[in-house]
Protein backbone atom coordinates (compact mmCIF):
# COMPACT_ATOMS: atom_id res chain seq x y z
CA MET A 1 171.34 -67.61 20.28
CA LEU A 2 167.42 -66.60 20.45
CA MET A 3 168.13 -67.82 24.53
CA LEU A 4 170.67 -65.78 25.26
CA LEU A 5 168.86 -62.79 23.90
CA LEU A 6 166.12 -63.11 25.97
CA PRO A 7 167.70 -62.84 29.54
CA ILE A 8 170.07 -60.28 28.43
CA GLY A 9 167.15 -58.39 27.23
CA LEU A 10 165.24 -58.69 30.42
CA PHE A 11 167.94 -57.30 32.56
CA GLY A 12 168.91 -54.59 30.47
CA CYS A 13 165.15 -52.85 30.73
CA GLY A 14 165.13 -52.20 34.31
CA ALA A 15 168.21 -50.07 33.80
CA LYS A 16 167.74 -46.38 35.67
CA LYS A 17 168.83 -43.59 33.77
CA LYS A 18 172.23 -42.38 34.61
CA TYR A 19 172.98 -38.84 35.69
CA THR A 20 175.66 -36.52 35.50
CA VAL A 21 176.18 -33.29 37.26
CA ALA A 22 174.74 -31.35 34.67
CA ASP A 23 171.74 -32.44 35.05
CA VAL A 24 171.37 -31.54 38.32
CA SER A 25 168.61 -28.96 38.69
CA VAL A 26 168.33 -28.70 42.66
CA ILE A 27 170.79 -30.82 45.46
CA SER A 28 169.21 -30.34 49.00
CA PHE A 29 171.04 -31.33 52.16
CA SER A 30 169.52 -31.70 55.86
CA CYS A 31 170.40 -33.11 59.43
CA SER A 32 167.45 -33.26 61.54
CA SER A 33 168.50 -34.16 65.42
CA MET A 34 166.93 -33.28 68.88
CA SER A 35 169.38 -30.64 69.27
CA TYR A 36 167.84 -27.95 67.26
CA THR A 37 171.25 -26.13 66.66
CA ASP A 38 173.11 -29.38 65.28
CA SER A 39 169.99 -29.37 63.03
CA TYR A 40 170.65 -27.71 59.08
CA ALA A 41 169.41 -27.91 55.56
CA TYR A 42 171.35 -26.54 52.24
CA SER A 43 169.65 -26.27 49.50
CA LEU A 44 171.52 -25.12 46.09
CA LYS A 45 169.29 -25.09 42.94
CA LYS A 46 169.66 -23.28 39.47
CA GLU A 47 166.75 -21.07 38.20
CA ASN A 48 167.26 -19.55 34.64
CA GLU A 49 171.22 -20.56 34.48
CA GLU A 50 171.75 -18.48 37.97
CA TRP A 51 172.77 -20.64 41.12
CA LEU A 52 170.55 -19.64 44.25
CA PHE A 53 171.55 -20.95 48.13
CA ASP A 54 169.24 -21.55 50.72
CA ALA A 55 170.43 -22.01 54.66
CA ASN A 56 169.01 -23.08 57.63
CA TYR A 57 171.80 -23.46 59.97
CA SER A 58 173.73 -22.35 63.61
CA TYR A 59 177.24 -21.83 62.85
CA ASP A 60 177.85 -21.85 66.71
CA TYR A 61 176.09 -22.45 70.09
CA GLU A 62 176.07 -19.12 71.10
CA ASN A 63 174.41 -16.99 67.97
CA PRO A 64 171.29 -17.49 66.81
CA ARG A 65 170.02 -19.42 63.91
CA VAL A 66 170.94 -18.04 60.76
CA GLU A 67 168.53 -18.38 57.29
CA PHE A 68 168.47 -17.06 53.87
CA GLU A 69 167.13 -17.76 50.84
CA ASN A 70 167.60 -17.65 47.00
CA LYS A 71 171.58 -16.22 47.83
CA LYS A 72 173.33 -15.69 44.43
CA VAL A 73 175.74 -17.40 44.28
CA SER A 74 178.63 -17.63 41.83
CA ALA A 75 178.65 -20.49 39.17
CA GLN A 76 182.21 -21.38 41.13
CA ASP A 77 180.49 -21.87 43.81
CA ALA A 78 177.92 -24.02 42.69
CA ALA A 79 180.41 -26.08 40.88
CA ALA A 80 182.54 -26.47 44.29
CA ILE A 81 179.47 -28.52 45.51
CA LEU A 82 178.86 -30.30 42.17
CA ASP A 83 182.26 -31.08 41.98
CA VAL A 84 182.12 -33.17 45.39
CA VAL A 85 179.22 -34.54 44.02
CA LYS A 86 180.92 -35.66 40.96
CA GLU A 87 184.17 -37.03 42.94
CA GLN A 88 181.97 -38.83 45.16
CA GLY A 89 179.39 -40.10 42.79
CA LEU A 90 176.64 -39.44 45.20
CA ILE A 91 174.03 -39.59 41.93
CA LEU A 92 174.64 -43.25 41.86
CA GLN A 93 174.59 -43.12 45.33
CA ALA A 94 171.46 -42.35 45.97
CA GLN A 95 169.60 -43.79 42.95
CA LYS A 96 170.85 -47.22 44.59
CA TYR A 97 170.29 -46.61 47.53
CA LYS A 98 167.80 -48.83 49.41
CA PRO A 99 165.28 -47.52 52.58
CA PRO A 100 165.87 -50.09 55.46
CA ARG A 101 162.69 -52.77 55.78
CA ILE A 102 162.77 -51.94 59.29
CA LYS A 103 162.50 -47.87 60.86
CA VAL A 104 164.16 -48.00 63.95
CA PHE A 105 163.79 -44.23 65.78
CA VAL A 106 167.13 -43.14 67.51
CA LEU A 107 165.78 -40.36 70.08
CA ASP A 108 169.85 -38.87 69.96
CA GLY A 109 170.22 -39.68 66.86
CA GLY A 110 170.40 -37.24 63.22
CA GLY A 111 169.18 -38.34 60.36
CA TYR A 112 171.24 -37.11 57.26
CA PHE A 113 169.36 -36.30 53.96
CA LEU A 114 170.48 -36.07 50.25
CA TYR A 115 167.58 -34.62 47.91
CA PHE A 116 168.49 -34.37 44.02
CA LYS A 117 165.86 -32.58 41.48
CA MET A 118 166.91 -33.25 37.74
CA ASN A 119 166.15 -31.20 34.68
CA ASP A 120 164.05 -33.91 33.32
CA GLY A 121 161.86 -33.58 36.83
CA THR A 122 163.24 -37.00 38.27
CA GLU A 123 163.83 -36.45 42.01
CA ILE A 124 166.23 -38.47 44.25
CA ASN A 125 166.05 -39.12 47.85
CA ALA A 126 168.62 -40.78 50.25
CA GLU A 127 169.70 -41.27 53.37
CA ILE A 128 172.72 -40.43 53.15
CA TYR A 129 176.19 -38.41 54.87
CA ASN A 130 178.91 -37.60 53.39
CA GLU A 131 181.40 -35.36 54.86
CA ASP A 132 182.49 -33.73 52.01
CA LEU A 133 179.51 -32.21 50.84
CA VAL A 134 178.97 -31.22 54.15
CA ASN A 135 182.13 -29.45 54.56
CA GLU A 136 181.79 -27.80 51.53
CA LEU A 137 178.35 -26.69 51.84
CA ARG A 138 179.09 -25.05 54.69
CA THR A 139 181.77 -23.01 53.26
CA LEU A 140 179.21 -21.61 50.92
CA THR A 141 177.27 -20.97 53.36
CA GLU A 142 179.59 -18.61 55.72
CA LYS A 143 181.06 -17.14 52.67
CA CYS A 144 177.37 -16.19 52.10
CA ARG A 145 176.90 -15.28 56.10
CA LYS A 146 179.79 -12.85 55.19
CA SER A 147 178.73 -10.64 52.31
């Protein structure tokens, strides 16, 4: 019996903490590209029970870049972003992400970066693209730009 418990204990000790969207204090998503108009960065952060949103992007090719910081957004708007994170399992995906051993650099390729900061200070980074998350962030960005 002791021999069976030893391997189970060894494998269970290294388990990562399971975070939920309730643990998220910052979520950031960005795309870096050779084309300035195709690059963007979005960040949603919780401070003092308020959600603040930052964006740096181009909404079309004919207009200049739009940048704003610390734009207050409603709890409903933040929940829409966090719902995508939950439904798509993005926290767990980011925790499981392992960077490639060989870094390949493509001149025209874009790089996508997902970042979480949890309430306990843990930071989770991954090179993950999620279209649903991008669409929800763009929706919030347009809402903020027009207000």
